[in-house]
Amino acid sequence: MAGVAGPALNRRQVLMSAAAVVALPPVLAACSPGTDRRADASEALLAMADAARRDAALAAAAVTSDPALAGRLEPLRAARLEHAAALDQAGGRPPGSAPVPATPPSADVVAVRDSVDGSARTAGEVVIEASAQQAGLVAEVAACCAAYVVVLQ
């Protein structure tokens, strides 16, 4: 039948597909038998947790500078705080002992997007070194950050 189109993709499906495309190569590399994997990437996870808190602070500063951005950036801020807590736990940091990042005086969407893009790239590098248990969390962080980079274009 000519003129019959397949099912339309919604925005969520497109974003999840984009995130999967970005996150898939590092995850597959981590699964390859030829990689020299460390038994533990706790230090890297804690550094990623600190970066997640900085991303959240940057998003909060951007919303403070322009309250109209709250709808776009509040979900990102909440996700990055959840990432920080999960990464702290996986890295062995006791609850409540994480350093509090300095609050940036101001920020915009571009600064937030660039910071989250850096976090996605870092996660892609860490997943290769992480243990099998840690790799799932790190890949989840990479995918989420990559999706937000696309959303904030």
C-alpha atoms as a PDB file:
ATOM      1  CA  MET A   1       0.000   0.000   0.000  1.00  0.00           C
ATOM      2  CA  ALA A   2       1.466   3.295  -1.025  1.00  0.00           C
ATOM      3  CA  GLY A   3       1.030   6.124   1.421  1.00  0.00           C
ATOM      4  CA  VAL A   4       0.886   3.984   4.574  1.00  0.00           C
ATOM      5  CA  ALA A   5       3.535   5.160   6.997  1.00  0.00           C
ATOM      6  CA  GLY A   6       5.004   3.196   9.870  1.00  0.00           C
ATOM      7  CA  PRO A   7       4.426   4.214  13.466  1.00  0.00           C
ATOM      8  CA  ALA A   8       5.640   7.722  14.292  1.00  0.00           C
ATOM      9  CA  LEU A   9       8.397   8.040  16.862  1.00  0.00           C
ATOM     10  CA  ASN A  10       7.777  10.346  19.766  1.00  0.00           C
ATOM     11  CA  ARG A  11      10.421  12.670  21.219  1.00  0.00           C
ATOM     12  CA  ARG A  12      11.269  10.265  24.072  1.00  0.00           C
ATOM     13  CA  GLN A  13      11.946   7.403  21.640  1.00  0.00           C
ATOM     14  CA  VAL A  14      14.177   9.615  19.502  1.00  0.00           C
ATOM     15  CA  LEU A  15      16.135  10.841  22.554  1.00  0.00           C
ATOM     16  CA  MET A  16      16.577   7.346  23.952  1.00  0.00           C
ATOM     17  CA  SER A  17      17.804   6.148  20.564  1.00  0.00           C
ATOM     18  CA  ALA A  18      20.282   9.032  20.380  1.00  0.00           C
ATOM     19  CA  ALA A  19      21.515   8.297  23.903  1.00  0.00           C
ATOM     20  CA  ALA A  20      21.921   4.623  23.082  1.00  0.00           C
ATOM     21  CA  VAL A  21      23.967   5.435  19.983  1.00  0.00           C
ATOM     22  CA  VAL A  22      26.310   7.645  22.041  1.00  0.00           C
ATOM     23  CA  ALA A  23      26.617   5.239  24.966  1.00  0.00           C
ATOM     24  CA  LEU A  24      26.832   1.983  23.016  1.00  0.00           C
ATOM     25  CA  PRO A  25      30.482   2.078  21.776  1.00  0.00           C
ATOM     26  CA  PRO A  26      32.048   2.461  25.244  1.00  0.00           C
ATOM     27  CA  VAL A  27      29.733  -0.169  26.688  1.00  0.00           C
ATOM     28  CA  LEU A  28      30.592  -2.622  23.928  1.00  0.00           C
ATOM     29  CA  ALA A  29      34.292  -1.888  24.356  1.00  0.00           C
ATOM     30  CA  ALA A  30      33.945  -2.678  28.046  1.00  0.00           C
ATOM     31  CA  CYS A  31      32.462  -6.056  27.147  1.00  0.00           C
ATOM     32  CA  SER A  32      35.202  -7.045  24.745  1.00  0.00           C
ATOM     33  CA  PRO A  33      37.469  -9.840  26.001  1.00  0.00           C
ATOM     34  CA  GLY A  34      40.623  -7.970  24.983  1.00  0.00           C
ATOM     35  CA  THR A  35      40.272  -5.086  27.423  1.00  0.00           C
ATOM     36  CA  ASP A  36      42.432  -4.871  30.514  1.00  0.00           C
ATOM     37  CA  ARG A  37      39.787  -4.104  33.106  1.00  0.00           C
ATOM     38  CA  ARG A  38      40.550  -2.944  36.594  1.00  0.00           C
ATOM     39  CA  ALA A  39      38.754  -4.686  39.392  1.00  0.00           C
ATOM     40  CA  ASP A  40      37.592  -1.363  40.779  1.00  0.00           C
ATOM     41  CA  ALA A  41      37.173   2.168  39.461  1.00  0.00           C
ATOM     42  CA  SER A  42      36.071   3.706  42.776  1.00  0.00           C
ATOM     43  CA  GLU A  43      38.253   6.813  42.467  1.00  0.00           C
ATOM     44  CA  ALA A  44      36.882   7.513  38.999  1.00  0.00           C
ATOM     45  CA  LEU A  45      33.319   6.999  40.256  1.00  0.00           C
ATOM     46  CA  LEU A  46      33.879   9.501  43.055  1.00  0.00           C
ATOM     47  CA  ALA A  47      35.285  12.019  40.573  1.00  0.00           C
ATOM     48  CA  MET A  48      32.197  11.460  38.417  1.00  0.00           C
ATOM     49  CA  ALA A  49      29.993  12.049  41.501  1.00  0.00           C
ATOM     50  CA  ASP A  50      31.757  15.360  42.141  1.00  0.00           C
ATOM     51  CA  ALA A  51      31.242  16.331  38.483  1.00  0.00           C
ATOM     52  CA  ALA A  52      27.551  15.433  38.768  1.00  0.00           C
ATOM     53  CA  ARG A  53      27.219  17.825  41.701  1.00  0.00           C
ATOM     54  CA  ARG A  54      28.981  20.553  39.712  1.00  0.00           C
ATOM     55  CA  ASP A  55      26.588  19.963  36.795  1.00  0.00           C
ATOM     56  CA  ALA A  56      23.620  20.260  39.186  1.00  0.00           C
ATOM     57  CA  ALA A  57      25.009  23.491  40.660  1.00  0.00           C
ATOM     58  CA  LEU A  58      25.563  24.884  37.169  1.00  0.00           C
ATOM     59  CA  ALA A  59      21.976  24.028  36.191  1.00  0.00           C
ATOM     60  CA  ALA A  60      20.713  25.739  39.360  1.00  0.00           C
ATOM     61  CA  ALA A  61      22.777  28.835  38.551  1.00  0.00           C
ATOM     62  CA  ALA A  62      21.359  28.917  35.024  1.00  0.00           C
ATOM     63  CA  VAL A  63      17.808  28.733  36.395  1.00  0.00           C
ATOM     64  CA  THR A  64      18.625  31.502  38.873  1.00  0.00           C
ATOM     65  CA  SER A  65      19.911  33.637  35.981  1.00  0.00           C
ATOM     66  CA  ASP A  66      16.864  32.856  33.820  1.00  0.00           C
ATOM     67  CA  PRO A  67      13.872  31.334  35.650  1.00  0.00           C
ATOM     68  CA  ALA A  68      12.263  30.481  32.294  1.00  0.00           C
ATOM     69  CA  LEU A  69      14.844  27.683  32.001  1.00  0.00           C
ATOM     70  CA  ALA A  70      13.469  25.818  35.023  1.00  0.00           C
ATOM     71  CA  GLY A  71      11.281  23.514  32.934  1.00  0.00           C
ATOM     72  CA  ARG A  72      14.259  22.426  30.831  1.00  0.00           C
ATOM     73  CA  LEU A  73      16.940  22.273  33.506  1.00  0.00           C
ATOM     74  CA  GLU A  74      15.217  21.114  36.684  1.00  0.00           C
ATOM     75  CA  PRO A  75      14.894  17.481  35.467  1.00  0.00           C
ATOM     76  CA  LEU A  76      18.589  17.535  34.551  1.00  0.00           C
ATOM     77  CA  ARG A  77      19.549  18.957  37.942  1.00  0.00           C
ATOM     78  CA  ALA A  78      17.527  16.275  39.737  1.00  0.00           C
ATOM     79  CA  ALA A  79      19.014  13.503  37.566  1.00  0.00           C
ATOM     80  CA  ARG A  80      22.567  14.689  38.186  1.00  0.00           C
ATOM     81  CA  LEU A  81      21.962  14.745  41.957  1.00  0.00           C
ATOM     82  CA  GLU A  82      20.658  11.168  41.735  1.00  0.00           C
ATOM     83  CA  HIS A  83      23.760  10.237  39.737  1.00  0.00           C
ATOM     84  CA  ALA A  84      25.968  11.808  42.406  1.00  0.00           C
ATOM     85  CA  ALA A  85      24.323   9.787  45.173  1.00  0.00           C
ATOM     86  CA  ALA A  86      24.530   6.507  43.226  1.00  0.00           C
ATOM     87  CA  LEU A  87      28.141   7.119  42.210  1.00  0.00           C
ATOM     88  CA  ASP A  88      29.077   7.998  45.804  1.00  0.00           C
ATOM     89  CA  GLN A  89      27.579   4.727  47.000  1.00  0.00           C
ATOM     90  CA  ALA A  90      29.253   2.691  44.237  1.00  0.00           C
ATOM     91  CA  GLY A  91      32.576   4.414  44.949  1.00  0.00           C
ATOM     92  CA  GLY A  92      32.374   3.720  48.671  1.00  0.00           C
ATOM     93  CA  ARG A  93      31.948   7.296  49.892  1.00  0.00           C
ATOM     94  CA  PRO A  94      30.029   7.538  53.179  1.00  0.00           C
ATOM     95  CA  PRO A  95      26.707   9.388  52.923  1.00  0.00           C
ATOM     96  CA  GLY A  96      26.990  13.106  53.667  1.00  0.00           C
ATOM     97  CA  SER A  97      30.761  13.278  53.227  1.00  0.00           C
ATOM     98  CA  ALA A  98      30.831  14.524  49.626  1.00  0.00           C
ATOM     99  CA  PRO A  99      32.371  17.937  48.985  1.00  0.00           C
ATOM    100  CA  VAL A 100      29.885  20.685  48.154  1.00  0.00           C
ATOM    101  CA  PRO A 101      30.763  22.408  44.873  1.00  0.00           C
ATOM    102  CA  ALA A 102      31.070  26.165  44.737  1.00  0.00           C
ATOM    103  CA  THR A 103      27.958  27.755  43.309  1.00  0.00           C
ATOM    104  CA  PRO A 104      28.751  29.458  40.015  1.00  0.00           C
ATOM    105  CA  PRO A 105      27.725  33.133  39.968  1.00  0.00           C
ATOM    106  CA  SER A 106      25.773  32.634  36.742  1.00  0.00           C
ATOM    107  CA  ALA A 107      25.400  30.208  33.878  1.00  0.00           C
ATOM    108  CA  ASP A 108      23.407  29.613  30.723  1.00  0.00           C
ATOM    109  CA  VAL A 109      22.129  26.633  28.758  1.00  0.00           C
ATOM    110  CA  VAL A 110      25.310  26.441  26.682  1.00  0.00           C
ATOM    111  CA  ALA A 111      27.511  26.196  29.790  1.00  0.00           C
ATOM    112  CA  VAL A 112      25.241  23.504  31.250  1.00  0.00           C
ATOM    113  CA  ARG A 113      25.179  21.554  27.982  1.00  0.00           C
ATOM    114  CA  ASP A 114      28.969  21.721  27.616  1.00  0.00           C
ATOM    115  CA  SER A 115      29.491  20.550  31.189  1.00  0.00           C
ATOM    116  CA  VAL A 116      27.058  17.642  30.807  1.00  0.00           C
ATOM    117  CA  ASP A 117      28.704  16.733  27.491  1.00  0.00           C
ATOM    118  CA  GLY A 118      32.038  16.530  29.312  1.00  0.00           C
ATOM    119  CA  SER A 119      30.429  14.291  31.926  1.00  0.00           C
ATOM    120  CA  ALA A 120      29.091  11.977  29.202  1.00  0.00           C
ATOM    121  CA  ARG A 121      32.549  11.731  27.629  1.00  0.00           C
ATOM    122  CA  THR A 122      34.167  11.030  31.008  1.00  0.00           C
ATOM    123  CA  ALA A 123      31.649   8.275  31.694  1.00  0.00           C
ATOM    124  CA  GLY A 124      32.469   6.766  28.305  1.00  0.00           C
ATOM    125  CA  GLU A 125      36.123   6.625  29.318  1.00  0.00           C
ATOM    126  CA  VAL A 126      35.470   5.265  32.822  1.00  0.00           C
ATOM    127  CA  VAL A 127      33.110   2.487  31.717  1.00  0.00           C
ATOM    128  CA  ILE A 128      35.997   0.747  29.963  1.00  0.00           C
ATOM    129  CA  GLU A 129      37.954   0.533  33.235  1.00  0.00           C
ATOM    130  CA  ALA A 130      35.026  -0.226  35.552  1.00  0.00           C
ATOM    131  CA  SER A 131      34.168  -3.593  37.004  1.00  0.00           C
ATOM    132  CA  ALA A 132      31.143  -5.382  35.596  1.00  0.00           C
ATOM    133  CA  GLN A 133      28.986  -4.122  38.487  1.00  0.00           C
ATOM    134  CA  GLN A 134      30.149  -0.542  38.070  1.00  0.00           C
ATOM    135  CA  ALA A 135      29.880  -0.546  34.270  1.00  0.00           C
ATOM    136  CA  GLY A 136      26.067  -0.606  34.315  1.00  0.00           C
ATOM    137  CA  LEU A 137      25.846   2.505  36.484  1.00  0.00           C
ATOM    138  CA  VAL A 138      28.489   4.344  34.485  1.00  0.00           C
ATOM    139  CA  ALA A 139      26.776   3.462  31.193  1.00  0.00           C
ATOM    140  CA  GLU A 140      23.470   4.705  32.608  1.00  0.00           C
ATOM    141  CA  VAL A 141      25.102   8.017  33.535  1.00  0.00           C
ATOM    142  CA  ALA A 142      26.666   8.282  30.062  1.00  0.00           C
ATOM    143  CA  ALA A 143      23.344   7.639  28.346  1.00  0.00           C
ATOM    144  CA  CYS A 144      21.450  10.126  30.500  1.00  0.00           C
ATOM    145  CA  CYS A 145      24.044  12.858  29.999  1.00  0.00           C
ATOM    146  CA  ALA A 146      24.177  12.217  26.249  1.00  0.00           C
ATOM    147  CA  ALA A 147      20.383  12.483  26.052  1.00  0.00           C
ATOM    148  CA  TYR A 148      20.431  15.828  27.852  1.00  0.00           C
ATOM    149  CA  VAL A 149      23.130  17.134  25.529  1.00  0.00           C
ATOM    150  CA  VAL A 150      20.752  16.406  22.632  1.00  0.00           C
ATOM    151  CA  VAL A 151      17.775  17.984  24.453  1.00  0.00           C
ATOM    152  CA  LEU A 152      19.716  21.152  25.238  1.00  0.00           C
ATOM    153  CA  GLN A 153      20.794  21.779  21.627  1.00  0.00           C
END
